[in-house]
């Protein structure tokens, strides 16, 4: 997911590693907070793959500074990451899906609708699994509250996806 976040921020402007970190924190801190120790190796991987290029400069104070920018291949990779099948792990699904939705503006209308469809199908499957647990297992009080809350969360998420899809169709 860190590669997606980096590529998304670089799709908007050229940034230093500090700038990338700052922009990710400003936009996504309620969903994730990657450290420099996560960002630096991801930038190295992205550069090695040809998705990011660097430009080294000297600041006015004489300190070296590295600026990162996205390549055409990086923009294609960003779209590929956004359109990749959703997380199978239900714990990670909502967060990774919300991040993808927040970055969906780089996709064209057809790609956005494809993303919304994929996420909705997965969300509906998780919702159904959760409802089956409640119906078949008859959990105790606290697990029941947790699963009831999860059902509400997934219903809200599905409504959000339907709203995005409808907005994309207009």
C-alpha atoms as a PDB file:
ATOM      1  CA  UNK A   1       0.000   0.000   0.000  1.00  0.00           C
ATOM      2  CA  UNK A   2       2.931   2.361   0.622  1.00  0.00           C
ATOM      3  CA  UNK A   3       3.899   2.247  -3.059  1.00  0.00           C
ATOM      4  CA  UNK A   4       0.360   3.283  -4.003  1.00  0.00           C
ATOM      5  CA  UNK A   5       0.465   6.234  -1.585  1.00  0.00           C
ATOM      6  CA  UNK A   6       3.881   7.396  -2.812  1.00  0.00           C
ATOM      7  CA  UNK A   7       2.916   7.148  -6.470  1.00  0.00           C
ATOM      8  CA  UNK A   8      -0.352   8.955  -5.789  1.00  0.00           C
ATOM      9  CA  UNK A   9       1.402  11.878  -4.096  1.00  0.00           C
ATOM     10  CA  UNK A  10       4.031  12.023  -6.852  1.00  0.00           C
ATOM     11  CA  UNK A  11       1.302  12.027  -9.495  1.00  0.00           C
ATOM     12  CA  UNK A  12       0.338  15.452  -8.173  1.00  0.00           C
ATOM     13  CA  UNK A  13       3.784  17.063  -7.837  1.00  0.00           C
ATOM     14  CA  UNK A  14       7.542  16.568  -7.514  1.00  0.00           C
ATOM     15  CA  UNK A  15       8.528  16.036  -3.870  1.00  0.00           C
ATOM     16  CA  UNK A  16      11.437  15.254  -1.575  1.00  0.00           C
ATOM     17  CA  UNK A  17      11.193  12.238   0.705  1.00  0.00           C
ATOM     18  CA  UNK A  18      10.220  14.604   3.511  1.00  0.00           C
ATOM     19  CA  UNK A  19       7.570  16.143   1.239  1.00  0.00           C
ATOM     20  CA  UNK A  20       6.198  12.708   0.359  1.00  0.00           C
ATOM     21  CA  UNK A  21       5.977  11.792   4.022  1.00  0.00           C
ATOM     22  CA  UNK A  22       4.332  15.102   4.895  1.00  0.00           C
ATOM     23  CA  UNK A  23       1.761  14.851   2.081  1.00  0.00           C
ATOM     24  CA  UNK A  24       0.883  11.248   2.978  1.00  0.00           C
ATOM     25  CA  UNK A  25       0.432  12.254   6.614  1.00  0.00           C
ATOM     26  CA  UNK A  26      -1.693  15.280   5.687  1.00  0.00           C
ATOM     27  CA  UNK A  27      -3.986  13.283   3.416  1.00  0.00           C
ATOM     28  CA  UNK A  28      -4.035   9.777   4.886  1.00  0.00           C
ATOM     29  CA  UNK A  29      -3.095  10.000   8.578  1.00  0.00           C
ATOM     30  CA  UNK A  30      -6.582   8.864   9.620  1.00  0.00           C
ATOM     31  CA  UNK A  31      -6.039   5.663   7.615  1.00  0.00           C
ATOM     32  CA  UNK A  32      -2.296   4.994   7.895  1.00  0.00           C
ATOM     33  CA  UNK A  33       0.902   6.618   9.142  1.00  0.00           C
ATOM     34  CA  UNK A  34       3.949   5.200   7.366  1.00  0.00           C
ATOM     35  CA  UNK A  35       7.362   6.013   8.811  1.00  0.00           C
ATOM     36  CA  UNK A  36      10.500   7.128   6.966  1.00  0.00           C
ATOM     37  CA  UNK A  37      11.708   3.569   7.524  1.00  0.00           C
ATOM     38  CA  UNK A  38       8.821   2.406   5.355  1.00  0.00           C
ATOM     39  CA  UNK A  39       8.918   5.212   2.784  1.00  0.00           C
ATOM     40  CA  UNK A  40      12.658   5.103   1.990  1.00  0.00           C
ATOM     41  CA  UNK A  41      12.832   1.405   0.956  1.00  0.00           C
ATOM     42  CA  UNK A  42       9.600   1.789  -1.018  1.00  0.00           C
ATOM     43  CA  UNK A  43      11.081   4.747  -2.908  1.00  0.00           C
ATOM     44  CA  UNK A  44      14.176   2.672  -3.657  1.00  0.00           C
ATOM     45  CA  UNK A  45      12.006  -0.182  -5.000  1.00  0.00           C
ATOM     46  CA  UNK A  46       9.942   2.228  -7.091  1.00  0.00           C
ATOM     47  CA  UNK A  47      13.083   3.862  -8.502  1.00  0.00           C
ATOM     48  CA  UNK A  48      14.666   0.478  -9.295  1.00  0.00           C
ATOM     49  CA  UNK A  49      11.501  -0.551 -11.124  1.00  0.00           C
ATOM     50  CA  UNK A  50      11.555   2.657 -13.175  1.00  0.00           C
ATOM     51  CA  UNK A  51       8.333   4.040 -11.663  1.00  0.00           C
ATOM     52  CA  UNK A  52      10.056   6.985  -9.972  1.00  0.00           C
ATOM     53  CA  UNK A  53      12.999   9.084 -11.074  1.00  0.00           C
ATOM     54  CA  UNK A  54      15.208  11.285  -8.926  1.00  0.00           C
ATOM     55  CA  UNK A  55      16.889  14.614  -9.388  1.00  0.00           C
ATOM     56  CA  UNK A  56      19.630  15.599  -6.986  1.00  0.00           C
ATOM     57  CA  UNK A  57      20.146  19.300  -6.306  1.00  0.00           C
ATOM     58  CA  UNK A  58      21.907  21.519  -3.814  1.00  0.00           C
ATOM     59  CA  UNK A  59      19.823  23.725  -1.545  1.00  0.00           C
ATOM     60  CA  UNK A  60      20.621  27.405  -1.055  1.00  0.00           C
ATOM     61  CA  UNK A  61      22.427  26.399   2.138  1.00  0.00           C
ATOM     62  CA  UNK A  62      24.630  23.950   0.233  1.00  0.00           C
ATOM     63  CA  UNK A  63      22.939  20.765   1.416  1.00  0.00           C
ATOM     64  CA  UNK A  64      22.152  17.994  -1.066  1.00  0.00           C
ATOM     65  CA  UNK A  65      18.479  17.382  -1.728  1.00  0.00           C
ATOM     66  CA  UNK A  66      16.784  14.652  -3.745  1.00  0.00           C
ATOM     67  CA  UNK A  67      13.520  15.287  -5.566  1.00  0.00           C
ATOM     68  CA  UNK A  68      11.311  12.429  -6.695  1.00  0.00           C
ATOM     69  CA  UNK A  69       8.910  12.439  -9.635  1.00  0.00           C
ATOM     70  CA  UNK A  70       6.640   9.834 -11.172  1.00  0.00           C
ATOM     71  CA  UNK A  71       7.380   8.371 -14.611  1.00  0.00           C
ATOM     72  CA  UNK A  72       4.840   7.314 -17.242  1.00  0.00           C
ATOM     73  CA  UNK A  73       5.460   3.750 -16.093  1.00  0.00           C
ATOM     74  CA  UNK A  74       4.837   4.881 -12.522  1.00  0.00           C
ATOM     75  CA  UNK A  75       1.474   6.334 -13.473  1.00  0.00           C
ATOM     76  CA  UNK A  76       0.566   3.017 -15.125  1.00  0.00           C
ATOM     77  CA  UNK A  77       1.728   1.176 -11.988  1.00  0.00           C
ATOM     78  CA  UNK A  78      -0.398   3.472  -9.810  1.00  0.00           C
ATOM     79  CA  UNK A  79      -3.466   2.604 -11.875  1.00  0.00           C
ATOM     80  CA  UNK A  80      -2.535  -1.094 -11.733  1.00  0.00           C
ATOM     81  CA  UNK A  81      -2.258  -0.932  -7.925  1.00  0.00           C
ATOM     82  CA  UNK A  82      -5.604   0.847  -7.660  1.00  0.00           C
ATOM     83  CA  UNK A  83      -7.332  -1.713  -9.878  1.00  0.00           C
ATOM     84  CA  UNK A  84      -5.693  -4.787  -8.292  1.00  0.00           C
ATOM     85  CA  UNK A  85      -8.118  -7.217  -6.645  1.00  0.00           C
ATOM     86  CA  UNK A  86      -9.160  -6.111  -3.151  1.00  0.00           C
ATOM     87  CA  UNK A  87      -7.481  -7.448  -0.030  1.00  0.00           C
ATOM     88  CA  UNK A  88      -8.671 -10.930   0.963  1.00  0.00           C
ATOM     89  CA  UNK A  89      -7.999 -10.227   4.619  1.00  0.00           C
ATOM     90  CA  UNK A  90     -11.172  -8.599   6.024  1.00  0.00           C
ATOM     91  CA  UNK A  91      -9.134  -6.755   8.663  1.00  0.00           C
ATOM     92  CA  UNK A  92      -7.159  -4.940   5.960  1.00  0.00           C
ATOM     93  CA  UNK A  93      -9.951  -4.661   3.404  1.00  0.00           C
ATOM     94  CA  UNK A  94     -11.717  -1.526   4.645  1.00  0.00           C
ATOM     95  CA  UNK A  95      -8.551   0.514   5.192  1.00  0.00           C
ATOM     96  CA  UNK A  96      -6.923  -0.450   1.898  1.00  0.00           C
ATOM     97  CA  UNK A  97     -10.212   0.083   0.054  1.00  0.00           C
ATOM     98  CA  UNK A  98     -10.685   3.535   1.581  1.00  0.00           C
ATOM     99  CA  UNK A  99      -7.164   4.461   0.500  1.00  0.00           C
ATOM    100  CA  UNK A 100      -7.918   3.261  -3.026  1.00  0.00           C
ATOM    101  CA  UNK A 101     -11.130   5.280  -3.100  1.00  0.00           C
ATOM    102  CA  UNK A 102      -9.294   8.396  -1.914  1.00  0.00           C
ATOM    103  CA  UNK A 103      -6.851   7.971  -4.829  1.00  0.00           C
ATOM    104  CA  UNK A 104      -9.461   7.108  -7.465  1.00  0.00           C
ATOM    105  CA  UNK A 105      -9.293  10.561  -9.069  1.00  0.00           C
ATOM    106  CA  UNK A 106      -6.274   9.423 -11.133  1.00  0.00           C
ATOM    107  CA  UNK A 107      -8.463   6.826 -12.872  1.00  0.00           C
ATOM    108  CA  UNK A 108     -10.715   7.498 -15.835  1.00  0.00           C
ATOM    109  CA  UNK A 109     -14.475   6.995 -15.495  1.00  0.00           C
ATOM    110  CA  UNK A 110     -14.460   3.368 -16.704  1.00  0.00           C
ATOM    111  CA  UNK A 111     -11.566   2.467 -14.392  1.00  0.00           C
ATOM    112  CA  UNK A 112     -13.313   4.125 -11.441  1.00  0.00           C
ATOM    113  CA  UNK A 113     -16.495   2.136 -12.076  1.00  0.00           C
ATOM    114  CA  UNK A 114     -14.415  -1.060 -12.321  1.00  0.00           C
ATOM    115  CA  UNK A 115     -12.753  -0.235  -8.978  1.00  0.00           C
ATOM    116  CA  UNK A 116     -16.107   0.501  -7.307  1.00  0.00           C
ATOM    117  CA  UNK A 117     -17.549  -2.778  -8.646  1.00  0.00           C
ATOM    118  CA  UNK A 118     -14.620  -4.882  -7.410  1.00  0.00           C
ATOM    119  CA  UNK A 119     -14.734  -3.311  -3.963  1.00  0.00           C
ATOM    120  CA  UNK A 120     -18.506  -3.656  -3.715  1.00  0.00           C
ATOM    121  CA  UNK A 121     -18.448  -7.371  -4.608  1.00  0.00           C
ATOM    122  CA  UNK A 122     -15.806  -8.048  -1.941  1.00  0.00           C
ATOM    123  CA  UNK A 123     -17.629  -5.904   0.659  1.00  0.00           C
ATOM    124  CA  UNK A 124     -20.892  -7.725  -0.034  1.00  0.00           C
ATOM    125  CA  UNK A 125     -19.134 -11.097   0.420  1.00  0.00           C
ATOM    126  CA  UNK A 126     -17.655 -10.029   3.763  1.00  0.00           C
ATOM    127  CA  UNK A 127     -21.054  -8.651   4.827  1.00  0.00           C
ATOM    128  CA  UNK A 128     -22.726 -11.934   3.942  1.00  0.00           C
ATOM    129  CA  UNK A 129     -20.064 -13.931   5.832  1.00  0.00           C
ATOM    130  CA  UNK A 130     -20.575 -11.739   8.892  1.00  0.00           C
ATOM    131  CA  UNK A 131     -24.355 -12.098   8.745  1.00  0.00           C
ATOM    132  CA  UNK A 132     -23.938 -15.881   8.443  1.00  0.00           C
ATOM    133  CA  UNK A 133     -21.801 -15.952  11.584  1.00  0.00           C
ATOM    134  CA  UNK A 134     -24.521 -14.097  13.482  1.00  0.00           C
ATOM    135  CA  UNK A 135     -27.270 -16.346  12.151  1.00  0.00           C
ATOM    136  CA  UNK A 136     -25.480 -19.691  12.453  1.00  0.00           C
ATOM    137  CA  UNK A 137     -23.222 -19.331  15.490  1.00  0.00           C
ATOM    138  CA  UNK A 138     -25.442 -17.183  17.755  1.00  0.00           C
ATOM    139  CA  UNK A 139     -22.443 -15.495  19.426  1.00  0.00           C
ATOM    140  CA  UNK A 140     -22.418 -14.192  22.984  1.00  0.00           C
ATOM    141  CA  UNK A 141     -23.119 -10.549  23.845  1.00  0.00           C
ATOM    142  CA  UNK A 142     -19.744  -8.905  23.078  1.00  0.00           C
ATOM    143  CA  UNK A 143     -18.953 -10.802  19.851  1.00  0.00           C
ATOM    144  CA  UNK A 144     -22.523 -10.095  18.709  1.00  0.00           C
ATOM    145  CA  UNK A 145     -22.020  -6.358  19.282  1.00  0.00           C
ATOM    146  CA  UNK A 146     -18.767  -6.449  17.325  1.00  0.00           C
ATOM    147  CA  UNK A 147     -20.357  -8.319  14.411  1.00  0.00           C
ATOM    148  CA  UNK A 148     -23.420  -6.045  14.443  1.00  0.00           C
ATOM    149  CA  UNK A 149     -21.083  -3.059  14.232  1.00  0.00           C
ATOM    150  CA  UNK A 150     -19.158  -4.701  11.400  1.00  0.00           C
ATOM    151  CA  UNK A 151     -22.398  -5.267   9.502  1.00  0.00           C
ATOM    152  CA  UNK A 152     -23.245  -1.558   9.875  1.00  0.00           C
ATOM    153  CA  UNK A 153     -19.747  -0.592   8.725  1.00  0.00           C
ATOM    154  CA  UNK A 154     -19.975  -2.747   5.611  1.00  0.00           C
ATOM    155  CA  UNK A 155     -23.489  -1.550   4.781  1.00  0.00           C
ATOM    156  CA  UNK A 156     -22.242   2.051   5.044  1.00  0.00           C
ATOM    157  CA  UNK A 157     -19.216   1.233   2.908  1.00  0.00           C
ATOM    158  CA  UNK A 158     -21.415  -0.373   0.234  1.00  0.00           C
ATOM    159  CA  UNK A 159     -23.633   2.739   0.258  1.00  0.00           C
ATOM    160  CA  UNK A 160     -20.522   4.882  -0.186  1.00  0.00           C
ATOM    161  CA  UNK A 161     -19.454   2.781  -3.182  1.00  0.00           C
ATOM    162  CA  UNK A 162     -22.914   3.058  -4.721  1.00  0.00           C
ATOM    163  CA  UNK A 163     -22.757   6.819  -4.276  1.00  0.00           C
ATOM    164  CA  UNK A 164     -19.354   6.970  -5.985  1.00  0.00           C
ATOM    165  CA  UNK A 165     -20.604   4.790  -8.831  1.00  0.00           C
ATOM    166  CA  UNK A 166     -23.706   6.942  -9.315  1.00  0.00           C
ATOM    167  CA  UNK A 167     -21.624  10.122  -9.259  1.00  0.00           C
ATOM    168  CA  UNK A 168     -19.318   8.603 -11.892  1.00  0.00           C
ATOM    169  CA  UNK A 169     -22.260   7.779 -14.138  1.00  0.00           C
ATOM    170  CA  UNK A 170     -23.460  11.403 -14.184  1.00  0.00           C
END
